[in-house]
Amino acid sequence: GETLGRLDSIERKQEGALISLDETVTQHEFETLVVRVDALEAA
C-alpha cells in the first residue's frame, strides 16, 4: 500500500511536469521548430 501511494505521488509529479513543459513551449517556439523541420526536409 505504501509503495502504491509512492507510485501515485510520482505519477502525479510526472503529470505536473509534463503539463508544465507543455505550458513553457510557446506557440512561437513551436513555429520555429516547424520552420526548421521544413528546412531540413527541403535540404
Full PDB file with SEQRES, HELIX, SHEET, SSBOND, CRYST1, ORIGX, SCALE, CONECT and MASTER records, all heavy atoms in Angstrom:
SEQRES   1 A   43  GLY GLU THR LEU GLY ARG LEU ASP SER ILE GLU ARG LYS          
SEQRES   2 A   43  GLN GLU GLY ALA LEU ILE SER LEU ASP GLU THR VAL THR          
SEQRES   3 A   43  GLN HIS GLU PHE GLU THR LEU VAL VAL ARG VAL ASP ALA          
SEQRES   4 A   43  LEU GLU ALA ALA                                              
HELIX    1 AA1 GLU A    2  THR A   24  1                                  23    
HELIX    2 AA2 GLN A   27  ALA A   42  1                                  16    
CRYST1    1.000    1.000    1.000  90.00  90.00  90.00 P 1           1          
ORIGX1      1.000000  0.000000  0.000000        0.00000                         
ORIGX2      0.000000  1.000000  0.000000        0.00000                         
ORIGX3      0.000000  0.000000  1.000000        0.00000                         
SCALE1      1.000000  0.000000  0.000000        0.00000                         
SCALE2      0.000000  1.000000  0.000000        0.00000                         
SCALE3      0.000000  0.000000  1.000000        0.00000                         
ATOM      1  N   GLY A   1       0.825  -1.211   0.000  1.00  0.00           N  
ATOM      2  CA  GLY A   1       0.000   0.000   0.000  1.00  0.00           C  
ATOM      3  C   GLY A   1       0.851   1.250   0.000  1.00  0.00           C  
ATOM      4  O   GLY A   1       0.558   2.219  -0.721  1.00  0.00           O  
ATOM      5  N   GLU A   2       1.922   1.244   0.813  1.00  0.00           N  
ATOM      6  CA  GLU A   2       2.831   2.401   0.847  1.00  0.00           C  
ATOM      7  C   GLU A   2       3.504   2.601  -0.511  1.00  0.00           C  
ATOM      8  O   GLU A   2       3.647   3.732  -0.986  1.00  0.00           O  
ATOM      9  CB  GLU A   2       3.882   2.200   1.940  1.00  0.00           C  
ATOM     10  CG  GLU A   2       3.335   2.260   3.347  1.00  0.00           C  
ATOM     11  CD  GLU A   2       4.348   1.850   4.398  1.00  0.00           C  
ATOM     12  OE1 GLU A   2       5.488   1.475   4.038  1.00  0.00           O  
ATOM     13  OE2 GLU A   2       4.003   1.898   5.597  1.00  0.00           O  
ATOM     14  N   THR A   3       3.902   1.502  -1.136  1.00  0.00           N  
ATOM     15  CA  THR A   3       4.545   1.578  -2.448  1.00  0.00           C  
ATOM     16  C   THR A   3       3.576   2.139  -3.485  1.00  0.00           C  
ATOM     17  O   THR A   3       3.954   2.988  -4.303  1.00  0.00           O  
ATOM     18  CB  THR A   3       5.049   0.184  -2.890  1.00  0.00           C  
ATOM     19  OG1 THR A   3       5.988  -0.288  -1.921  1.00  0.00           O  
ATOM     20  CG2 THR A   3       5.714   0.234  -4.254  1.00  0.00           C  
ATOM     21  N   LEU A   4       2.326   1.675  -3.449  1.00  0.00           N  
ATOM     22  CA  LEU A   4       1.330   2.192  -4.384  1.00  0.00           C  
ATOM     23  C   LEU A   4       1.110   3.687  -4.171  1.00  0.00           C  
ATOM     24  O   LEU A   4       0.966   4.454  -5.135  1.00  0.00           O  
ATOM     25  CB  LEU A   4       0.016   1.429  -4.240  1.00  0.00           C  
ATOM     26  CG  LEU A   4       0.015   0.007  -4.789  1.00  0.00           C  
ATOM     27  CD1 LEU A   4      -1.299  -0.694  -4.453  1.00  0.00           C  
ATOM     28  CD2 LEU A   4       0.251  -0.005  -6.277  1.00  0.00           C  
ATOM     29  N   GLY A   5       1.105   4.113  -2.918  1.00  0.00           N  
ATOM     30  CA  GLY A   5       0.968   5.539  -2.621  1.00  0.00           C  
ATOM     31  C   GLY A   5       2.124   6.338  -3.191  1.00  0.00           C  
ATOM     32  O   GLY A   5       1.929   7.421  -3.763  1.00  0.00           O  
ATOM     33  N   ARG A   6       3.331   5.801  -3.040  1.00  0.00           N  
ATOM     34  CA  ARG A   6       4.513   6.488  -3.587  1.00  0.00           C  
ATOM     35  C   ARG A   6       4.454   6.548  -5.109  1.00  0.00           C  
ATOM     36  O   ARG A   6       4.793   7.569  -5.717  1.00  0.00           O  
ATOM     37  CB  ARG A   6       5.788   5.778  -3.137  1.00  0.00           C  
ATOM     38  CG  ARG A   6       6.079   5.956  -1.667  1.00  0.00           C  
ATOM     39  CD  ARG A   6       7.323   5.206  -1.248  1.00  0.00           C  
ATOM     40  NE  ARG A   6       7.540   5.330   0.176  1.00  0.00           N  
ATOM     41  CZ  ARG A   6       8.151   4.425   0.910  1.00  0.00           C  
ATOM     42  NH1 ARG A   6       8.617   3.326   0.344  1.00  0.00           N  
ATOM     43  NH2 ARG A   6       8.317   4.595   2.201  1.00  0.00           N  
ATOM     44  N   LEU A   7       4.032   5.435  -5.718  1.00  0.00           N  
ATOM     45  CA  LEU A   7       3.924   5.416  -7.177  1.00  0.00           C  
ATOM     46  C   LEU A   7       2.885   6.423  -7.664  1.00  0.00           C  
ATOM     47  O   LEU A   7       3.096   7.108  -8.677  1.00  0.00           O  
ATOM     48  CB  LEU A   7       3.578   4.011  -7.677  1.00  0.00           C  
ATOM     49  CG  LEU A   7       4.687   2.977  -7.583  1.00  0.00           C  
ATOM     50  CD1 LEU A   7       4.167   1.596  -7.945  1.00  0.00           C  
ATOM     51  CD2 LEU A   7       5.861   3.349  -8.474  1.00  0.00           C  
ATOM     52  N   ASP A   8       1.776   6.528  -6.963  1.00  0.00           N  
ATOM     53  CA  ASP A   8       0.757   7.532  -7.318  1.00  0.00           C  
ATOM     54  C   ASP A   8       1.333   8.941  -7.217  1.00  0.00           C  
ATOM     55  O   ASP A   8       1.093   9.782  -8.083  1.00  0.00           O  
ATOM     56  CB  ASP A   8      -0.472   7.406  -6.408  1.00  0.00           C  
ATOM     57  CG  ASP A   8      -1.325   6.200  -6.738  1.00  0.00           C  
ATOM     58  OD1 ASP A   8      -1.174   5.648  -7.845  1.00  0.00           O  
ATOM     59  OD2 ASP A   8      -2.147   5.805  -5.872  1.00  0.00           O  
ATOM     60  N   SER A   9       2.105   9.190  -6.167  1.00  0.00           N  
ATOM     61  CA  SER A   9       2.725  10.501  -5.984  1.00  0.00           C  
ATOM     62  C   SER A   9       3.691  10.806  -7.124  1.00  0.00           C  
ATOM     63  O   SER A   9       3.697  11.916  -7.675  1.00  0.00           O  
ATOM     64  CB  SER A   9       3.455  10.548  -4.639  1.00  0.00           C  
ATOM     65  OG  SER A   9       4.168  11.748  -4.489  1.00  0.00           O  
ATOM     66  N   ILE A  10       4.504   9.833  -7.493  1.00  0.00           N  
ATOM     67  CA  ILE A  10       5.458  10.007  -8.595  1.00  0.00           C  
ATOM     68  C   ILE A  10       4.710  10.282  -9.895  1.00  0.00           C  
ATOM     69  O   ILE A  10       5.075  11.171 -10.673  1.00  0.00           O  
ATOM     70  CB  ILE A  10       6.371   8.764  -8.738  1.00  0.00           C  
ATOM     71  CG1 ILE A  10       7.324   8.675  -7.548  1.00  0.00           C  
ATOM     72  CG2 ILE A  10       7.123   8.781 -10.055  1.00  0.00           C  
ATOM     73  CD1 ILE A  10       8.074   7.357  -7.454  1.00  0.00           C  
ATOM     74  N   GLU A  11       3.620   9.534 -10.109  1.00  0.00           N  
ATOM     75  CA  GLU A  11       2.837   9.725 -11.331  1.00  0.00           C  
ATOM     76  C   GLU A  11       2.234  11.132 -11.384  1.00  0.00           C  
ATOM     77  O   GLU A  11       2.263  11.795 -12.429  1.00  0.00           O  
ATOM     78  CB  GLU A  11       1.725   8.676 -11.396  1.00  0.00           C  
ATOM     79  CG  GLU A  11       0.937   8.691 -12.687  1.00  0.00           C  
ATOM     80  CD  GLU A  11      -0.097   7.575 -12.749  1.00  0.00           C  
ATOM     81  OE1 GLU A  11      -0.329   6.914 -11.729  1.00  0.00           O  
ATOM     82  OE2 GLU A  11      -0.672   7.406 -13.831  1.00  0.00           O  
ATOM     83  N   ARG A  12       1.718  11.600 -10.257  1.00  0.00           N  
ATOM     84  CA  ARG A  12       1.166  12.964 -10.215  1.00  0.00           C  
ATOM     85  C   ARG A  12       2.259  14.006 -10.505  1.00  0.00           C  
ATOM     86  O   ARG A  12       2.025  14.977 -11.232  1.00  0.00           O  
ATOM     87  CB  ARG A  12       0.507  13.236  -8.868  1.00  0.00           C  
ATOM     88  CG  ARG A  12      -0.844  12.564  -8.692  1.00  0.00           C  
ATOM     89  CD  ARG A  12      -1.570  13.062  -7.458  1.00  0.00           C  
ATOM     90  NE  ARG A  12      -0.833  12.900  -6.219  1.00  0.00           N  
ATOM     91  CZ  ARG A  12      -0.813  11.788  -5.476  1.00  0.00           C  
ATOM     92  NH1 ARG A  12      -1.498  10.729  -5.851  1.00  0.00           N  
ATOM     93  NH2 ARG A  12      -0.117  11.744  -4.355  1.00  0.00           N  
ATOM     94  N   LYS A  13       3.447  13.802  -9.947  1.00  0.00           N  
ATOM     95  CA  LYS A  13       4.551  14.734 -10.198  1.00  0.00           C  
ATOM     96  C   LYS A  13       4.943  14.729 -11.670  1.00  0.00           C  
ATOM     97  O   LYS A  13       5.220  15.783 -12.251  1.00  0.00           O  
ATOM     98  CB  LYS A  13       5.754  14.377  -9.331  1.00  0.00           C  
ATOM     99  CG  LYS A  13       5.568  14.719  -7.871  1.00  0.00           C  
ATOM    100  CD  LYS A  13       6.770  14.299  -7.054  1.00  0.00           C  
ATOM    101  CE  LYS A  13       6.543  14.574  -5.572  1.00  0.00           C  
ATOM    102  NZ  LYS A  13       7.658  14.108  -4.741  1.00  0.00           N  
ATOM    103  N   GLN A  14       4.976  13.547 -12.277  1.00  0.00           N  
ATOM    104  CA  GLN A  14       5.327  13.455 -13.696  1.00  0.00           C  
ATOM    105  C   GLN A  14       4.278  14.156 -14.552  1.00  0.00           C  
ATOM    106  O   GLN A  14       4.623  14.864 -15.506  1.00  0.00           O  
ATOM    107  CB  GLN A  14       5.456  11.989 -14.122  1.00  0.00           C  
ATOM    108  CG  GLN A  14       6.704  11.316 -13.602  1.00  0.00           C  
ATOM    109  CD  GLN A  14       6.769   9.838 -13.979  1.00  0.00           C  
ATOM    110  OE1 GLN A  14       5.755   9.219 -14.254  1.00  0.00           O  
ATOM    111  NE2 GLN A  14       7.971   9.296 -13.979  1.00  0.00           N  
ATOM    112  N   GLU A  15       3.002  13.956 -14.206  1.00  0.00           N  
ATOM    113  CA  GLU A  15       1.945  14.630 -14.961  1.00  0.00           C  
ATOM    114  C   GLU A  15       2.074  16.140 -14.820  1.00  0.00           C  
ATOM    115  O   GLU A  15       1.900  16.875 -15.795  1.00  0.00           O  
ATOM    116  CB  GLU A  15       0.571  14.161 -14.471  1.00  0.00           C  
ATOM    117  CG  GLU A  15       0.232  12.751 -14.894  1.00  0.00           C  
ATOM    118  CD  GLU A  15      -1.064  12.237 -14.268  1.00  0.00           C  
ATOM    119  OE1 GLU A  15      -1.683  12.965 -13.453  1.00  0.00           O  
ATOM    120  OE2 GLU A  15      -1.459  11.120 -14.607  1.00  0.00           O  
ATOM    121  N   GLY A  16       2.376  16.589 -13.619  1.00  0.00           N  
ATOM    122  CA  GLY A  16       2.580  18.024 -13.397  1.00  0.00           C  
ATOM    123  C   GLY A  16       3.754  18.550 -14.202  1.00  0.00           C  
ATOM    124  O   GLY A  16       3.699  19.652 -14.768  1.00  0.00           O  
ATOM    125  N   ALA A  17       4.825  17.780 -14.253  1.00  0.00           N  
ATOM    126  CA  ALA A  17       5.998  18.208 -15.022  1.00  0.00           C  
ATOM    127  C   ALA A  17       5.670  18.292 -16.498  1.00  0.00           C  
ATOM    128  O   ALA A  17       6.105  19.229 -17.195  1.00  0.00           O  
ATOM    129  CB  ALA A  17       7.158  17.243 -14.788  1.00  0.00           C  
ATOM    130  N   LEU A  18       4.898  17.321 -17.019  1.00  0.00           N  
ATOM    131  CA  LEU A  18       4.524  17.350 -18.433  1.00  0.00           C  
ATOM    132  C   LEU A  18       3.628  18.545 -18.741  1.00  0.00           C  
ATOM    133  O   LEU A  18       3.799  19.211 -19.766  1.00  0.00           O  
ATOM    134  CB  LEU A  18       3.816  16.049 -18.827  1.00  0.00           C  
ATOM    135  CG  LEU A  18       4.704  14.811 -18.919  1.00  0.00           C  
ATOM    136  CD1 LEU A  18       3.863  13.571 -19.193  1.00  0.00           C  
ATOM    137  CD2 LEU A  18       5.750  14.990 -20.013  1.00  0.00           C  
ATOM    138  N   ILE A  19       2.699  18.825 -17.849  1.00  0.00           N  
ATOM    139  CA  ILE A  19       1.828  19.992 -18.042  1.00  0.00           C  
ATOM    140  C   ILE A  19       2.665  21.263 -18.041  1.00  0.00           C  
ATOM    141  O   ILE A  19       2.476  22.151 -18.870  1.00  0.00           O  
ATOM    142  CB  ILE A  19       0.730  20.026 -16.959  1.00  0.00           C  
ATOM    143  CG1 ILE A  19      -0.258  18.876 -17.187  1.00  0.00           C  
ATOM    144  CG2 ILE A  19       0.013  21.362 -16.940  1.00  0.00           C  
ATOM    145  CD1 ILE A  19      -1.242  18.662 -16.047  1.00  0.00           C  
ATOM    146  N   SER A  20       3.612  21.330 -17.127  1.00  0.00           N  
ATOM    147  CA  SER A  20       4.489  22.495 -17.046  1.00  0.00           C  
ATOM    148  C   SER A  20       5.302  22.650 -18.321  1.00  0.00           C  
ATOM    149  O   SER A  20       5.474  23.766 -18.834  1.00  0.00           O  
ATOM    150  CB  SER A  20       5.409  22.366 -15.833  1.00  0.00           C  
ATOM    151  OG  SER A  20       6.305  23.441 -15.775  1.00  0.00           O  
ATOM    152  N   LEU A  21       5.816  21.546 -18.845  1.00  0.00           N  
ATOM    153  CA  LEU A  21       6.579  21.603 -20.096  1.00  0.00           C  
ATOM    154  C   LEU A  21       5.695  22.064 -21.241  1.00  0.00           C  
ATOM    155  O   LEU A  21       6.119  22.872 -22.080  1.00  0.00           O  
ATOM    156  CB  LEU A  21       7.170  20.232 -20.434  1.00  0.00           C  
ATOM    157  CG  LEU A  21       8.405  19.814 -19.653  1.00  0.00           C  
ATOM    158  CD1 LEU A  21       8.789  18.375 -20.000  1.00  0.00           C  
ATOM    159  CD2 LEU A  21       9.565  20.746 -19.958  1.00  0.00           C  
ATOM    160  N   ASP A  22       4.487  21.548 -21.280  1.00  0.00           N  
ATOM    161  CA  ASP A  22       3.561  21.970 -22.335  1.00  0.00           C  
ATOM    162  C   ASP A  22       3.317  23.471 -22.278  1.00  0.00           C  
ATOM    163  O   ASP A  22       3.223  24.142 -23.308  1.00  0.00           O  
ATOM    164  CB  ASP A  22       2.220  21.227 -22.218  1.00  0.00           C  
ATOM    165  CG  ASP A  22       2.331  19.774 -22.645  1.00  0.00           C  
ATOM    166  OD1 ASP A  22       3.321  19.421 -23.307  1.00  0.00           O  
ATOM    167  OD2 ASP A  22       1.424  18.988 -22.305  1.00  0.00           O  
ATOM    168  N   GLU A  23       3.204  24.007 -21.091  1.00  0.00           N  
ATOM    169  CA  GLU A  23       2.927  25.426 -20.933  1.00  0.00           C  
ATOM    170  C   GLU A  23       4.129  26.296 -21.283  1.00  0.00           C  
ATOM    171  O   GLU A  23       3.979  27.433 -21.708  1.00  0.00           O  
ATOM    172  CB  GLU A  23       2.465  25.713 -19.496  1.00  0.00           C  
ATOM    173  CG  GLU A  23       1.106  25.120 -19.180  1.00  0.00           C  
ATOM    174  CD  GLU A  23       0.739  25.222 -17.715  1.00  0.00           C  
ATOM    175  OE1 GLU A  23       1.578  25.663 -16.902  1.00  0.00           O  
ATOM    176  OE2 GLU A  23      -0.386  24.838 -17.381  1.00  0.00           O  
ATOM    177  N   THR A  24       5.337  25.766 -21.107  1.00  0.00           N  
ATOM    178  CA  THR A  24       6.530  26.576 -21.371  1.00  0.00           C  
ATOM    179  C   THR A  24       6.868  26.657 -22.846  1.00  0.00           C  
ATOM    180  O   THR A  24       7.561  27.580 -23.275  1.00  0.00           O  
ATOM    181  CB  THR A  24       7.753  26.031 -20.603  1.00  0.00           C  
ATOM    182  OG1 THR A  24       7.981  24.686 -20.974  1.00  0.00           O  
ATOM    183  CG2 THR A  24       7.550  26.141 -19.111  1.00  0.00           C  
ATOM    184  N   VAL A  25       6.432  25.679 -23.607  1.00  0.00           N  
ATOM    185  CA  VAL A  25       6.694  25.730 -25.048  1.00  0.00           C  
ATOM    186  C   VAL A  25       5.652  26.672 -25.650  1.00  0.00           C  
ATOM    187  O   VAL A  25       4.476  26.399 -25.698  1.00  0.00           O  
ATOM    188  CB  VAL A  25       6.596  24.319 -25.677  1.00  0.00           C  
ATOM    189  CG1 VAL A  25       6.770  24.416 -27.193  1.00  0.00           C  
ATOM    190  CG2 VAL A  25       7.624  23.400 -25.076  1.00  0.00           C  
ATOM    191  N   THR A  26       6.114  27.784 -26.107  1.00  0.00           N  
ATOM    192  CA  THR A  26       5.189  28.794 -26.645  1.00  0.00           C  
ATOM    193  C   THR A  26       4.873  28.491 -28.096  1.00  0.00           C  
ATOM    194  O   THR A  26       5.547  27.678 -28.762  1.00  0.00           O  
ATOM    195  CB  THR A  26       5.809  30.189 -26.538  1.00  0.00           C  
ATOM    196  OG1 THR A  26       6.981  30.212 -27.352  1.00  0.00           O  
ATOM    197  CG2 THR A  26       6.132  30.550 -25.111  1.00  0.00           C  
ATOM    198  N   GLN A  27       3.874  29.134 -28.571  1.00  0.00           N  
ATOM    199  CA  GLN A  27       3.484  28.988 -29.972  1.00  0.00           C  
ATOM    200  C   GLN A  27       4.638  29.387 -30.881  1.00  0.00           C  
ATOM    201  O   GLN A  27       4.898  28.746 -31.894  1.00  0.00           O  
ATOM    202  CB  GLN A  27       2.241  29.839 -30.259  1.00  0.00           C  
ATOM    203  CG  GLN A  27       1.726  29.725 -31.682  1.00  0.00           C  
ATOM    204  CD  GLN A  27       1.185  28.336 -32.004  1.00  0.00           C  
ATOM    205  OE1 GLN A  27       0.681  27.658 -31.129  1.00  0.00           O  
ATOM    206  NE2 GLN A  27       1.305  27.925 -33.248  1.00  0.00           N  
ATOM    207  N   HIS A  28       5.346  30.425 -30.517  1.00  0.00           N  
ATOM    208  CA  HIS A  28       6.465  30.900 -31.333  1.00  0.00           C  
ATOM    209  C   HIS A  28       7.546  29.820 -31.445  1.00  0.00           C  
ATOM    210  O   HIS A  28       8.089  29.592 -32.543  1.00  0.00           O  
ATOM    211  CB  HIS A  28       7.053  32.191 -30.745  1.00  0.00           C  
ATOM    212  CG  HIS A  28       8.268  32.662 -31.478  1.00  0.00           C  
ATOM    213  ND1 HIS A  28       8.206  33.162 -32.772  1.00  0.00           N  
ATOM    214  CD2 HIS A  28       9.579  32.689 -31.121  1.00  0.00           C  
ATOM    215  CE1 HIS A  28       9.424  33.469 -33.161  1.00  0.00           C  
ATOM    216  NE2 HIS A  28      10.274  33.203 -32.177  1.00  0.00           N  
ATOM    217  N   GLU A  29       7.886  29.202 -30.305  1.00  0.00           N  
ATOM    218  CA  GLU A  29       8.905  28.137 -30.338  1.00  0.00           C  
ATOM    219  C   GLU A  29       8.439  26.989 -31.216  1.00  0.00           C  
ATOM    220  O   GLU A  29       9.226  26.385 -31.948  1.00  0.00           O  
ATOM    221  CB  GLU A  29       9.205  27.650 -28.924  1.00  0.00           C  
ATOM    222  CG  GLU A  29       9.918  28.679 -28.062  1.00  0.00           C  
ATOM    223  CD  GLU A  29       9.992  28.269 -26.596  1.00  0.00           C  
ATOM    224  OE1 GLU A  29       9.055  27.630 -26.102  1.00  0.00           O  
ATOM    225  OE2 GLU A  29      11.004  28.603 -25.962  1.00  0.00           O  
ATOM    226  N   PHE A  30       7.157  26.678 -31.171  1.00  0.00           N  
ATOM    227  CA  PHE A  30       6.610  25.608 -31.994  1.00  0.00           C  
ATOM    228  C   PHE A  30       6.733  25.966 -33.470  1.00  0.00           C  
ATOM    229  O   PHE A  30       7.159  25.145 -34.283  1.00  0.00           O  
ATOM    230  CB  PHE A  30       5.141  25.355 -31.616  1.00  0.00           C  
ATOM    231  CG  PHE A  30       4.504  24.266 -32.424  1.00  0.00           C  
ATOM    232  CD1 PHE A  30       4.837  22.939 -32.213  1.00  0.00           C  
ATOM    233  CD2 PHE A  30       3.574  24.571 -33.409  1.00  0.00           C  
ATOM    234  CE1 PHE A  30       4.252  21.945 -32.968  1.00  0.00           C  
ATOM    235  CE2 PHE A  30       2.987  23.580 -34.166  1.00  0.00           C  
ATOM    236  CZ  PHE A  30       3.327  22.257 -33.941  1.00  0.00           C  
ATOM    237  N   GLU A  31       6.392  27.195 -33.812  1.00  0.00           N  
ATOM    238  CA  GLU A  31       6.500  27.631 -35.206  1.00  0.00           C  
ATOM    239  C   GLU A  31       7.949  27.601 -35.682  1.00  0.00           C  
ATOM    240  O   GLU A  31       8.227  27.239 -36.823  1.00  0.00           O  
ATOM    241  CB  GLU A  31       5.910  29.041 -35.354  1.00  0.00           C  
ATOM    242  CG  GLU A  31       4.407  29.073 -35.204  1.00  0.00           C  
ATOM    243  CD  GLU A  31       3.843  30.487 -35.144  1.00  0.00           C  
ATOM    244  OE1 GLU A  31       4.617  31.467 -35.191  1.00  0.00           O  
ATOM    245  OE2 GLU A  31       2.610  30.592 -35.041  1.00  0.00           O  
ATOM    246  N   THR A  32       8.874  27.998 -34.801  1.00  0.00           N  
ATOM    247  CA  THR A  32      10.296  27.962 -35.144  1.00  0.00           C  
ATOM    248  C   THR A  32      10.734  26.531 -35.437  1.00  0.00           C  
ATOM    249  O   THR A  32      11.466  26.273 -36.407  1.00  0.00           O  
ATOM    250  CB  THR A  32      11.141  28.551 -33.992  1.00  0.00           C  
ATOM    251  OG1 THR A  32      10.706  29.878 -33.726  1.00  0.00           O  
ATOM    252  CG2 THR A  32      12.616  28.554 -34.336  1.00  0.00           C  
ATOM    253  N   LEU A  33      10.258  25.601 -34.632  1.00  0.00           N  
ATOM    254  CA  LEU A  33      10.600  24.199 -34.869  1.00  0.00           C  
ATOM    255  C   LEU A  33      10.028  23.702 -36.188  1.00  0.00           C  
ATOM    256  O   LEU A  33      10.697  22.966 -36.928  1.00  0.00           O  
ATOM    257  CB  LEU A  33      10.078  23.330 -33.715  1.00  0.00           C  
ATOM    258  CG  LEU A  33      10.805  23.459 -32.386  1.00  0.00           C  
ATOM    259  CD1 LEU A  33      10.077  22.663 -31.310  1.00  0.00           C  
ATOM    260  CD2 LEU A  33      12.237  22.977 -32.499  1.00  0.00           C  
ATOM    261  N   VAL A  34       8.821  24.106 -36.519  1.00  0.00           N  
ATOM    262  CA  VAL A  34       8.203  23.690 -37.785  1.00  0.00           C  
ATOM    263  C   VAL A  34       9.009  24.216 -38.963  1.00  0.00           C  
ATOM    264  O   VAL A  34       9.269  23.498 -39.932  1.00  0.00           O  
ATOM    265  CB  VAL A  34       6.720  24.161 -37.847  1.00  0.00           C  
ATOM    266  CG1 VAL A  34       6.142  23.962 -39.251  1.00  0.00           C  
ATOM    267  CG2 VAL A  34       5.884  23.436 -36.806  1.00  0.00           C  
ATOM    268  N   VAL A  35       9.457  25.468 -38.883  1.00  0.00           N  
ATOM    269  CA  VAL A  35      10.267  26.058 -39.962  1.00  0.00           C  
ATOM    270  C   VAL A  35      11.576  25.289 -40.097  1.00  0.00           C  
ATOM    271  O   VAL A  35      12.013  24.990 -41.210  1.00  0.00           O  
ATOM    272  CB  VAL A  35      10.521  27.573 -39.687  1.00  0.00           C  
ATOM    273  CG1 VAL A  35      11.560  28.140 -40.643  1.00  0.00           C  
ATOM    274  CG2 VAL A  35       9.215  28.342 -39.768  1.00  0.00           C  
ATOM    275  N   ARG A  36      12.206  24.951 -39.015  1.00  0.00           N  
ATOM    276  CA  ARG A  36      13.481  24.214 -39.078  1.00  0.00           C  
ATOM    277  C   ARG A  36      13.277  22.822 -39.678  1.00  0.00           C  
ATOM    278  O   ARG A  36      14.098  22.359 -40.464  1.00  0.00           O  
ATOM    279  CB  ARG A  36      14.095  24.109 -37.691  1.00  0.00           C  
ATOM    280  CG  ARG A  36      14.672  25.410 -37.185  1.00  0.00           C  
ATOM    281  CD  ARG A  36      15.338  25.215 -35.840  1.00  0.00           C  
ATOM    282  NE  ARG A  36      15.831  26.492 -35.328  1.00  0.00           N  
ATOM    283  CZ  ARG A  36      16.259  26.671 -34.111  1.00  0.00           C  
ATOM    284  NH1 ARG A  36      16.255  25.686 -33.229  1.00  0.00           N  
ATOM    285  NH2 ARG A  36      16.696  27.856 -33.733  1.00  0.00           N  
ATOM    286  N   VAL A  37      12.189  22.155 -39.292  1.00  0.00           N  
ATOM    287  CA  VAL A  37      11.909  20.828 -39.845  1.00  0.00           C  
ATOM    288  C   VAL A  37      11.667  20.958 -41.339  1.00  0.00           C  
ATOM    289  O   VAL A  37      12.165  20.138 -42.137  1.00  0.00           O  
ATOM    290  CB  VAL A  37      10.694  20.174 -39.136  1.00  0.00           C  
ATOM    291  CG1 VAL A  37      10.224  18.938 -39.883  1.00  0.00           C  
ATOM    292  CG2 VAL A  37      11.051  19.825 -37.702  1.00  0.00           C  
ATOM    293  N   ASP A  38      10.915  21.962 -41.746  1.00  0.00           N  
ATOM    294  CA  ASP A  38      10.682  22.188 -43.176  1.00  0.00           C  
ATOM    295  C   ASP A  38      12.000  22.411 -43.914  1.00  0.00           C  
ATOM    296  O   ASP A  38      12.216  21.879 -45.014  1.00  0.00           O  
ATOM    297  CB  ASP A  38       9.749  23.389 -43.403  1.00  0.00           C  
ATOM    298  CG  ASP A  38       8.302  23.079 -43.030  1.00  0.00           C  
ATOM    299  OD1 ASP A  38       7.963  21.873 -42.949  1.00  0.00           O  
ATOM    300  OD2 ASP A  38       7.525  24.036 -42.819  1.00  0.00           O  
ATOM    301  N   ALA A  39      12.906  23.197 -43.323  1.00  0.00           N  
ATOM    302  CA  ALA A  39      14.192  23.464 -43.929  1.00  0.00           C  
ATOM    303  C   ALA A  39      15.014  22.188 -44.047  1.00  0.00           C  
ATOM    304  O   ALA A  39      15.662  21.937 -45.080  1.00  0.00           O  
ATOM    305  CB  ALA A  39      14.935  24.537 -43.143  1.00  0.00           C  
ATOM    306  N   LEU A  40      14.999  21.363 -43.008  1.00  0.00           N  
ATOM    307  CA  LEU A  40      15.753  20.113 -43.055  1.00  0.00           C  
ATOM    308  C   LEU A  40      15.162  19.160 -44.088  1.00  0.00           C  
ATOM    309  O   LEU A  40      15.904  18.483 -44.811  1.00  0.00           O  
ATOM    310  CB  LEU A  40      15.741  19.451 -41.670  1.00  0.00           C  
ATOM    311  CG  LEU A  40      16.592  20.126 -40.593  1.00  0.00           C  
ATOM    312  CD1 LEU A  40      16.345  19.465 -39.234  1.00  0.00           C  
ATOM    313  CD2 LEU A  40      18.073  20.050 -40.951  1.00  0.00           C  
ATOM    314  N   GLU A  41      13.855  19.121 -44.188  1.00  0.00           N  
ATOM    315  CA  GLU A  41      13.230  18.262 -45.176  1.00  0.00           C  
ATOM    316  C   GLU A  41      13.556  18.736 -46.583  1.00  0.00           C  
ATOM    317  O   GLU A  41      13.802  17.929 -47.490  1.00  0.00           O  
ATOM    318  CB  GLU A  41      11.713  18.222 -44.964  1.00  0.00           C  
ATOM    319  CG  GLU A  41      11.290  17.393 -43.755  1.00  0.00           C  
ATOM    320  CD  GLU A  41       9.780  17.456 -43.516  1.00  0.00           C  
ATOM    321  OE1 GLU A  41       9.079  18.312 -44.095  1.00  0.00           O  
ATOM    322  OE2 GLU A  41       9.309  16.613 -42.717  1.00  0.00           O  
ATOM    323  N   ALA A  42      13.576  20.035 -46.806  1.00  0.00           N  
ATOM    324  CA  ALA A  42      13.896  20.613 -48.109  1.00  0.00           C  
ATOM    325  C   ALA A  42      15.348  20.299 -48.485  1.00  0.00           C  
ATOM    326  O   ALA A  42      15.656  20.006 -49.634  1.00  0.00           O  
ATOM    327  CB  ALA A  42      13.639  22.114 -48.119  1.00  0.00           C  
ATOM    328  N   ALA A  43      16.250  20.377 -47.506  1.00  0.00           N  
ATOM    329  CA  ALA A  43      17.652  20.107 -47.750  1.00  0.00           C  
ATOM    330  C   ALA A  43      17.888  18.638 -48.060  1.00  0.00           C  
ATOM    331  O   ALA A  43      18.784  18.279 -48.816  1.00  0.00           O  
ATOM    332  CB  ALA A  43      18.500  20.537 -46.552  1.00  0.00           C  
TER     333      ALA A  43                                                      
MASTER        0    0    0    2    0    0    0    6  332    1    0    4          
END                                                                             
